[in-house]
Amino acid sequence: MLLLYNLGIRFYHLLIVLLSPFNSKAKLWLGGRKSIFKKIASTVNPNASNIWIHCSSLGEFEQGRPVIETIKERFPDKKIVLTFFSPSGYEVRKNYKGADFVFYLPLDTRRNAQRFLQLVNPTIAIFVKYEFWYHYLNQLKRNGISTYIVSANFRPSQVFFKKYGGWYRKFLLNFSYFFVQNEQSKALLASIGISNVTVTGDTRFDRVAKIAVEAKSVPVVENFCKDSRVIVAGSTWPKDEEILFEYLSYAPEDVKLVIAPHEVGNDRINSIIQKSPFPVVCYSNSEDLELAKTRILVIDTIGLLSSLYRYGIIAYIGGGFGVGIHNTLEAAVYGVPVIFGPKYHKFQEAKDLIAQGAGFSINSSFEFVHLLNNLLSDRKNLKEVGNKAGYFVNSGLGATAKIVDSIFSSEK
């Protein structure tokens, strides 16, 4: 199995090389790892008190960020070495001030893992949610480095819990401790003999609560909303927009729509404009006069979404008709009902929002129209549903403190 794993890693690398001339993300992935060990050797002091924190991409970073910032606040002498696997994480957060060093993670080979750990020499390693790399985990354990996973969320469908998953379970045995989101994850780990587990919840609750407190005022959006009833749709894909546009074609005139698409390239923005049933104003070239006349505002820049949900009375979270929904907690923290497509089952918070009566999954335009009509026709019910969303987020706070307390009490 190890031979097959190593071959798979090398085949993946070859595929990236072949795709890089034609694919921007593959090019960034490859280019970002060029001379990576020279960069690490020239900047990181292996004799310092280094803590290595690894995130797959941007979503995992948002889960890890409260842990990073709490460690830096409590232990300012610690140096944080933050790594990403994906360009979508690294390229957005490569200048993140909360970490002392930010790198791409070198490919998972035995030699790379040995060299990386020799150069960084971490006292602690923390993996966020997932990313199970055999050689890195194996070398961490061989070197006696305490290794934790935080905000982990395990599912029965994962290979670790299958009859044929024996070799893959070795990955998990390298962790010193697991901080998981829910009881199901703890039970699944117990079923394969792993008991060094604590249910601490999801650190994203702490993150979104902080974001809400620090939310920016966005005058353009305020002028757009005024006295209208506004639906804020975040991280949308074409199928999401199709459903939103169909509803808006029949919605009351005081209902407006803010769309913050998942990607903001010119092609995507132009596609939204062309498919819209009403004239569209884009955030980057908006004017007060245009805002007063239009029903659709498209956010064609990044970095605003987490502050935008505060302006809506209902939030729609994109991705549920594709690979999976995006962050529902960013919206729920503002006390608004949250709606998303059918692919949400990998996300515990989405399932919990539904169970609390604060979140809703739809499978079609028809279901969306029916749901919106019901919510908007009863103001009292709409407010009650929103309050449930806000209460749900408040009830999940505190995971970060539990994790940091536990890690550093055991490291004394």
Protein backbone atom coordinates (compact mmCIF):
# COMPACT_ATOMS: atom_id res chain seq x y z
CA MET A 1 0.00 0.00 0.00
CA LEU A 2 2.84 2.39 0.75
CA LEU A 3 4.25 1.79 -2.73
CA LEU A 4 0.87 2.58 -4.29
CA TYR A 5 0.57 5.69 -2.12
CA ASN A 6 4.00 6.93 -3.20
CA LEU A 7 3.20 6.24 -6.84
CA GLY A 8 -0.08 8.12 -6.45
CA ILE A 9 1.71 11.14 -5.00
CA ARG A 10 4.17 11.20 -7.88
CA PHE A 11 1.43 10.75 -10.45
CA TYR A 12 -0.42 13.70 -8.88
CA HIS A 13 2.71 15.81 -9.18
CA LEU A 14 3.15 14.80 -12.82
CA LEU A 15 -0.46 15.72 -13.53
CA ILE A 16 0.07 19.16 -12.00
CA VAL A 17 3.16 19.66 -14.17
CA LEU A 18 1.23 18.71 -17.31
CA LEU A 19 -1.70 20.96 -16.42
CA SER A 20 0.34 23.98 -15.32
CA PRO A 21 0.69 25.58 -18.80
CA PHE A 22 -3.09 25.59 -19.17
CA ASN A 23 -4.45 25.88 -15.62
CA SER A 24 -3.74 28.91 -13.42
CA LYS A 25 -4.24 27.04 -10.13
CA ALA A 26 -1.89 24.23 -11.21
CA LYS A 27 0.67 26.86 -12.22
CA LEU A 28 0.43 28.54 -8.81
CA TRP A 29 0.60 25.18 -7.02
CA LEU A 30 3.79 24.28 -8.86
CA GLY A 31 5.42 27.71 -8.85
CA GLY A 32 4.74 28.25 -5.17
CA ARG A 33 6.74 25.16 -4.29
CA LYS A 34 9.77 26.11 -6.38
CA SER A 35 12.84 26.45 -4.15
CA ILE A 36 10.53 26.01 -1.16
CA PHE A 37 13.22 24.53 1.07
CA LYS A 38 15.60 27.43 0.36
CA LYS A 39 12.84 29.84 1.38
CA ILE A 40 12.22 27.95 4.60
CA ALA A 41 15.93 27.62 5.44
CA SER A 42 16.56 31.32 4.87
CA THR A 43 13.71 32.55 7.08
CA VAL A 44 12.85 30.03 9.79
CA ASN A 45 15.08 29.59 12.82
CA PRO A 46 14.94 25.89 13.77
CA ASN A 47 16.15 26.73 17.27
CA ALA A 48 13.14 28.96 17.98
CA SER A 49 9.95 27.72 19.64
CA ASN A 50 8.16 26.96 16.37
CA ILE A 51 4.60 25.69 16.07
CA TRP A 52 3.60 24.23 12.72
CA ILE A 53 -0.06 24.69 11.73
CA HIS A 54 -1.30 23.17 8.48
CA CYS A 55 -4.48 24.02 6.57
CA SER A 56 -5.61 22.50 3.31
CA SER A 57 -7.18 25.64 1.95
CA LEU A 58 -8.97 28.88 2.84
CA GLY A 59 -11.95 27.25 4.58
CA GLU A 60 -9.71 25.28 6.91
CA PHE A 61 -7.66 28.41 7.58
CA GLU A 62 -10.80 30.13 8.87
CA GLN A 63 -11.17 27.25 11.32
CA GLY A 64 -7.52 27.38 12.31
CA ARG A 65 -7.31 31.15 12.56
CA PRO A 66 -8.87 31.44 16.06
CA VAL A 67 -6.36 28.88 17.32
CA ILE A 68 -3.43 30.72 15.71
CA GLU A 69 -4.48 34.08 17.12
CA THR A 70 -5.16 32.71 20.59
CA ILE A 71 -1.74 31.05 20.70
CA LYS A 72 -0.02 34.27 19.59
CA GLU A 73 -1.97 36.27 22.17
CA ARG A 74 -1.16 33.92 25.04
CA PHE A 75 2.34 32.91 23.98
CA PRO A 76 3.91 35.79 22.01
CA ASP A 77 7.31 34.07 22.06
CA LYS A 78 5.99 31.21 19.94
CA LYS A 79 6.64 31.34 16.18
CA ILE A 80 3.81 30.19 13.94
CA VAL A 81 4.75 28.39 10.72
CA LEU A 82 1.59 28.19 8.63
CA THR A 83 1.36 25.94 5.57
CA PHE A 84 -1.25 25.47 2.87
CA PHE A 85 -1.75 22.71 0.35
CA SER A 86 -3.99 24.67 -2.01
CA PRO A 87 -3.32 27.91 -3.91
CA SER A 88 -6.81 29.13 -2.96
CA GLY A 89 -5.60 29.26 0.62
CA TYR A 90 -1.99 30.31 0.21
CA GLU A 91 -2.49 33.05 -2.38
CA VAL A 92 -5.17 34.76 -0.30
CA ARG A 93 -3.39 34.45 3.07
CA LYS A 94 0.32 34.51 2.18
CA ASN A 95 0.62 37.91 3.86
CA TYR A 96 -1.41 36.98 6.94
CA LYS A 97 0.09 38.87 9.87
CA GLY A 98 -1.04 36.37 12.49
CA ALA A 99 1.60 33.87 11.36
CA ASP A 100 5.34 34.46 11.42
CA PHE A 101 5.89 32.40 8.26
CA VAL A 102 3.52 31.22 5.52
CA PHE A 103 4.52 28.54 2.99
CA TYR A 104 3.12 26.01 0.61
CA LEU A 105 3.42 22.49 2.01
CA PRO A 106 6.02 20.52 0.03
CA LEU A 107 4.72 17.36 -1.63
CA ASP A 108 4.25 14.44 0.77
CA THR A 109 7.32 12.28 0.19
CA ARG A 110 9.53 10.75 2.88
CA ARG A 111 12.50 12.92 1.93
CA ASN A 112 10.43 16.11 1.82
CA ALA A 113 8.84 15.39 5.19
CA GLN A 114 12.22 14.72 6.79
CA ARG A 115 13.73 17.88 5.32
CA PHE A 116 10.76 20.07 6.22
CA LEU A 117 10.75 18.93 9.85
CA GLN A 118 14.53 19.34 10.07
CA LEU A 119 14.31 22.94 8.86
CA VAL A 120 11.25 23.95 10.90
CA ASN A 121 11.89 21.75 13.93
CA PRO A 122 8.41 22.33 15.40
CA THR A 123 7.69 21.72 19.05
CA ILE A 124 4.02 21.10 18.18
CA ALA A 125 2.17 20.33 14.94
CA ILE A 126 -1.51 21.15 14.44
CA PHE A 127 -3.57 19.97 11.47
CA VAL A 128 -6.91 21.69 10.87
CA LYS A 129 -10.03 19.58 10.17
CA TYR A 130 -8.38 17.13 7.80
CA GLU A 131 -5.39 16.58 5.47
CA PHE A 132 -3.89 13.22 6.26
CA TRP A 133 -0.40 13.01 4.74
CA TYR A 134 1.30 9.70 5.47
CA HIS A 135 4.95 10.76 5.43
CA TYR A 136 4.50 13.96 7.38
CA LEU A 137 2.45 12.25 10.07
CA ASN A 138 4.82 9.31 10.20
CA GLN A 139 7.90 11.52 10.54
CA LEU A 140 6.25 13.68 13.17
CA LYS A 141 5.66 10.63 15.33
CA ARG A 142 9.17 9.28 14.67
CA ASN A 143 10.60 12.60 15.85
CA GLY A 144 8.45 12.60 18.98
CA ILE A 145 6.61 15.78 18.03
CA SER A 146 3.15 16.16 19.58
CA THR A 147 0.65 16.27 16.72
CA TYR A 148 -2.96 17.41 17.04
CA ILE A 149 -5.95 17.69 14.75
CA VAL A 150 -8.54 20.36 15.55
CA SER A 151 -12.17 20.81 14.45
CA ALA A 152 -12.04 17.36 12.90
CA ASN A 153 -15.26 15.96 11.49
CA PHE A 154 -15.30 12.26 10.63
CA ARG A 155 -17.96 10.45 8.59
CA PRO A 156 -18.77 6.74 8.18
CA SER A 157 -18.07 6.98 4.45
CA GLN A 158 -14.38 7.75 5.01
CA VAL A 159 -11.88 5.01 4.21
CA PHE A 160 -10.60 4.82 7.81
CA PHE A 161 -13.86 3.17 8.88
CA LYS A 162 -14.16 0.63 6.06
CA LYS A 163 -13.20 -3.04 6.34
CA TYR A 164 -10.42 -2.44 3.81
CA GLY A 165 -9.18 0.70 5.58
CA GLY A 166 -6.58 -0.90 7.84
CA TRP A 167 -3.56 0.72 6.20
CA TYR A 168 -5.19 4.14 6.18
CA ARG A 169 -5.94 3.87 9.89
CA LYS A 170 -2.19 4.05 10.44
CA PHE A 171 -2.42 7.70 9.43
CA LEU A 172 -4.67 8.41 12.39
CA LEU A 173 -2.52 6.52 14.87
CA ASN A 174 0.20 9.13 14.41
CA PHE A 175 -1.89 11.87 16.02
CA SER A 176 -1.26 12.58 19.69
CA TYR A 177 -4.79 13.86 20.22
CA PHE A 178 -8.04 14.57 18.36
CA PHE A 179 -10.28 17.57 18.97
CA VAL A 180 -13.47 16.75 17.08
CA GLN A 181 -16.64 18.63 16.24
CA ASN A 182 -19.26 16.12 17.35
CA GLU A 183 -20.13 12.88 19.14
CA GLN A 184 -20.40 10.96 15.85
CA SER A 185 -16.73 11.64 15.14
CA LYS A 186 -15.76 10.47 18.61
CA ALA A 187 -17.83 7.29 18.21
CA LEU A 188 -16.32 6.53 14.80
CA LEU A 189 -12.79 6.88 16.17
CA ALA A 190 -13.72 4.68 19.14
CA SER A 191 -14.93 2.01 16.69
CA ILE A 192 -11.37 1.64 15.39
CA GLY A 193 -9.75 1.73 18.83
CA ILE A 194 -8.87 5.43 19.09
CA SER A 195 -9.80 6.96 22.44
CA ASN A 196 -7.53 10.02 22.72
CA VAL A 197 -10.42 12.23 21.65
CA THR A 198 -12.38 15.18 23.04
CA VAL A 199 -15.49 16.75 21.56
CA THR A 200 -14.73 20.47 21.60
CA GLY A 201 -16.91 21.70 18.74
CA ASP A 202 -16.02 23.83 15.76
CA THR A 203 -13.61 26.77 16.09
CA ARG A 204 -15.40 28.55 13.24
CA PHE A 205 -18.11 29.59 15.70
CA ASP A 206 -15.50 31.66 17.53
CA ARG A 207 -14.19 33.03 14.26
CA VAL A 208 -17.54 34.19 12.86
CA ALA A 209 -18.49 35.76 16.19
CA LYS A 210 -15.31 37.85 16.08
CA ILE A 211 -15.94 38.77 12.43
CA ALA A 212 -19.45 39.95 13.29
CA VAL A 213 -18.15 42.20 16.04
CA GLU A 214 -15.53 43.64 13.68
CA ALA A 215 -17.83 43.81 10.63
CA LYS A 216 -17.18 46.70 8.28
CA SER A 217 -19.77 49.23 7.25
CA VAL A 218 -20.32 49.01 3.48
CA PRO A 219 -21.95 52.28 2.37
CA VAL A 220 -22.66 51.09 -1.17
CA VAL A 221 -24.66 48.15 0.16
CA GLU A 222 -26.43 50.35 2.72
CA ASN A 223 -27.52 52.72 -0.06
CA PHE A 224 -28.67 49.78 -2.15
CA CYS A 225 -30.73 48.23 0.65
CA LYS A 226 -32.40 51.27 2.23
CA ASP A 227 -35.98 50.21 3.10
CA SER A 228 -36.04 47.11 0.87
CA ARG A 229 -36.16 43.49 1.92
CA VAL A 230 -32.79 42.09 0.86
CA ILE A 231 -31.61 38.56 0.21
CA VAL A 232 -27.82 38.25 0.49
CA ALA A 233 -26.46 35.36 -1.57
CA GLY A 234 -22.85 34.41 -0.83
CA SER A 235 -20.32 32.22 -2.67
CA THR A 236 -22.78 31.50 -5.48
CA TRP A 237 -22.32 29.34 -8.55
CA PRO A 238 -24.33 29.48 -11.82
CA LYS A 239 -27.01 27.04 -10.62
CA ASP A 240 -27.53 29.10 -7.47
CA GLU A 241 -27.94 32.26 -9.51
CA GLU A 242 -30.41 30.57 -11.82
CA ILE A 243 -32.63 29.76 -8.84
CA LEU A 244 -32.25 33.23 -7.34
CA PHE A 245 -33.08 34.96 -10.61
CA GLU A 246 -36.14 32.81 -11.19
CA TYR A 247 -37.49 33.75 -7.78
CA LEU A 248 -36.75 37.44 -8.21
CA SER A 249 -38.66 37.51 -11.51
CA TYR A 250 -41.88 36.93 -9.54
CA ALA A 251 -40.96 38.45 -6.17
CA PRO A 252 -42.55 41.65 -4.76
CA GLU A 253 -40.82 44.82 -5.97
CA ASP A 254 -39.39 45.64 -2.54
CA VAL A 255 -37.34 42.43 -2.55
CA LYS A 256 -33.75 43.00 -3.66
CA LEU A 257 -30.78 40.70 -4.16
CA VAL A 258 -27.09 41.05 -3.29
CA ILE A 259 -24.95 38.42 -5.02
CA ALA A 260 -21.34 37.73 -3.99
CA PRO A 261 -20.23 34.99 -6.41
CA HIS A 262 -17.63 32.39 -5.48
CA GLU A 263 -15.39 33.63 -8.28
CA VAL A 264 -15.17 37.27 -9.39
CA GLY A 265 -13.32 37.02 -12.69
CA ASN A 266 -14.61 39.09 -15.61
CA ASP A 267 -16.16 36.08 -17.36
CA ARG A 268 -18.18 35.09 -14.29
CA ILE A 269 -19.38 38.62 -13.60
CA ASN A 270 -20.36 39.14 -17.25
CA SER A 271 -22.23 35.83 -17.24
CA ILE A 272 -24.25 36.93 -14.19
CA ILE A 273 -25.07 40.25 -15.82
CA GLN A 274 -26.21 38.58 -19.03
CA LYS A 275 -28.46 36.08 -17.27
CA SER A 276 -30.04 38.54 -14.84
CA PRO A 277 -33.75 39.31 -15.33
CA PHE A 278 -33.14 42.91 -14.22
CA PRO A 279 -30.41 45.51 -14.80
CA VAL A 280 -27.41 44.82 -12.59
CA VAL A 281 -25.11 47.19 -10.75
CA CYS A 282 -21.62 45.97 -9.87
CA TYR A 283 -20.03 47.05 -6.62
CA SER A 284 -16.87 48.32 -8.32
CA ASN A 285 -18.69 50.90 -10.46
CA SER A 286 -21.81 51.65 -8.42
CA GLU A 287 -23.44 55.06 -8.09
CA ASP A 288 -26.22 56.15 -5.74
CA LEU A 289 -28.60 56.91 -8.62
CA GLU A 290 -28.13 53.47 -10.13
CA LEU A 291 -28.47 51.80 -6.76
CA ALA A 292 -31.87 53.36 -6.19
CA LYS A 293 -33.16 52.01 -9.49
CA THR A 294 -31.79 48.47 -9.49
CA ARG A 295 -32.84 45.29 -7.67
CA ILE A 296 -29.59 43.36 -8.08
CA LEU A 297 -26.16 44.31 -6.75
CA VAL A 298 -23.24 42.08 -7.72
CA ILE A 299 -20.17 42.14 -5.49
CA ASP A 300 -17.31 41.86 -7.98
CA THR A 301 -14.52 42.02 -5.41
CA ILE A 302 -13.35 39.79 -2.58
CA GLY A 303 -13.13 40.38 1.17
CA LEU A 304 -16.58 41.81 1.83
CA LEU A 305 -18.87 38.81 2.14
CA SER A 306 -18.57 38.24 5.88
CA SER A 307 -19.70 41.83 6.45
CA LEU A 308 -22.53 41.71 3.89
CA TYR A 309 -24.83 39.19 5.55
CA ARG A 310 -25.72 41.78 8.20
CA TYR A 311 -27.69 43.70 5.55
CA GLY A 312 -29.99 40.82 4.62
CA ILE A 313 -33.16 39.48 6.13
CA ILE A 314 -32.44 36.09 4.54
CA ALA A 315 -29.13 34.53 3.51
CA TYR A 316 -28.57 32.11 0.65
CA ILE A 317 -25.34 30.09 0.75
CA GLY A 318 -23.98 28.87 -2.59
CA GLY A 319 -22.32 25.63 -3.58
CA GLY A 320 -25.12 23.27 -2.58
CA PHE A 321 -25.77 22.21 -6.17
CA GLY A 322 -22.08 21.53 -6.80
CA VAL A 323 -19.25 20.24 -4.65
CA GLY A 324 -20.86 21.34 -1.39
CA ILE A 325 -22.08 24.43 0.45
CA HIS A 326 -19.85 27.21 1.66
CA ASN A 327 -19.76 28.76 5.14
CA THR A 328 -23.24 28.95 6.66
CA LEU A 329 -22.02 30.27 10.01
CA GLU A 330 -20.84 33.56 8.47
CA ALA A 331 -24.50 34.35 7.81
CA ALA A 332 -26.16 32.67 10.78
CA VAL A 333 -24.14 34.77 13.25
CA TYR A 334 -26.19 37.81 12.20
CA GLY A 335 -29.44 36.14 13.20
CA VAL A 336 -30.90 35.50 9.75
CA PRO A 337 -32.46 32.34 8.25
CA VAL A 338 -29.98 30.43 6.10
CA ILE A 339 -30.91 28.63 2.87
CA PHE A 340 -28.73 26.30 0.79
CA GLY A 341 -28.84 23.53 -1.81
CA PRO A 342 -28.98 19.76 -1.29
CA LYS A 343 -25.27 18.98 -0.89
CA TYR A 344 -24.79 19.89 2.76
CA HIS A 345 -24.44 16.52 4.52
CA LYS A 346 -20.68 16.80 5.04
CA PHE A 347 -21.21 19.94 7.10
CA GLN A 348 -22.30 19.39 10.68
CA GLU A 349 -23.26 23.02 11.23
CA ALA A 350 -25.66 22.92 8.27
CA LYS A 351 -27.35 19.80 9.63
CA ASP A 352 -27.59 21.42 13.04
CA LEU A 353 -29.09 24.60 11.60
CA ILE A 354 -31.80 22.52 9.93
CA ALA A 355 -32.45 20.64 13.16
CA GLN A 356 -32.80 23.97 15.00
CA GLY A 357 -35.30 25.25 12.44
CA ALA A 358 -32.89 28.01 11.40
CA GLY A 359 -31.59 26.50 8.17
CA PHE A 360 -33.34 25.13 5.09
CA SER A 361 -32.18 22.96 2.21
CA ILE A 362 -33.87 23.26 -1.19
CA ASN A 363 -33.66 20.94 -4.18
CA SER A 364 -35.21 23.11 -6.89
CA SER A 365 -36.42 26.55 -7.92
CA PHE A 366 -39.95 25.53 -7.01
CA GLU A 367 -38.94 24.69 -3.42
CA PHE A 368 -37.01 27.95 -3.14
CA VAL A 369 -39.95 30.05 -4.30
CA HIS A 370 -42.32 28.24 -1.92
CA LEU A 371 -39.92 28.67 1.02
CA LEU A 372 -39.29 32.37 0.34
CA ASN A 373 -43.00 33.08 0.01
CA ASN A 374 -43.64 31.45 3.39
CA LEU A 375 -40.80 33.26 5.14
CA LEU A 376 -41.51 36.69 3.72
CA SER A 377 -45.26 36.51 4.30
CA ASP A 378 -44.91 36.23 8.09
CA ARG A 379 -42.60 38.80 9.68
CA LYS A 380 -42.96 37.35 13.16
CA ASN A 381 -41.98 33.88 12.01
CA LEU A 382 -39.10 35.29 9.96
CA LYS A 383 -37.71 37.02 13.04
CA GLU A 384 -38.12 33.90 15.19
CA VAL A 385 -36.28 31.76 12.64
CA GLY A 386 -33.48 34.31 12.48
CA ASN A 387 -33.22 34.41 16.26
CA LYS A 388 -32.78 30.64 16.26
CA ALA A 389 -29.84 31.02 13.88
CA GLY A 390 -28.18 33.60 16.11
CA TYR A 391 -28.76 31.50 19.23
CA PHE A 392 -27.29 28.45 17.51
CA VAL A 393 -24.03 30.27 16.81
CA ASN A 394 -23.83 31.66 20.35
CA SER A 395 -24.33 28.18 21.78
CA GLY A 396 -21.30 26.89 19.85
CA LEU A 397 -18.75 29.39 21.13
CA GLY A 398 -15.73 28.35 23.17
CA ALA A 399 -14.04 25.58 21.15
CA THR A 400 -10.84 27.57 20.65
CA ALA A 401 -10.19 28.15 24.34
CA LYS A 402 -10.82 24.48 25.13
CA ILE A 403 -8.36 23.36 22.46
CA VAL A 404 -5.57 25.77 23.33
CA ASP A 405 -5.99 25.12 27.05
CA SER A 406 -5.76 21.38 26.51
CA ILE A 407 -2.78 21.46 24.15
CA PHE A 408 -0.62 23.71 26.26
CA SER A 409 -1.52 22.11 29.58
CA SER A 410 -0.30 18.79 28.16
CA GLU A 411 2.88 20.41 26.78
CA LYS A 412 4.07 21.75 30.15
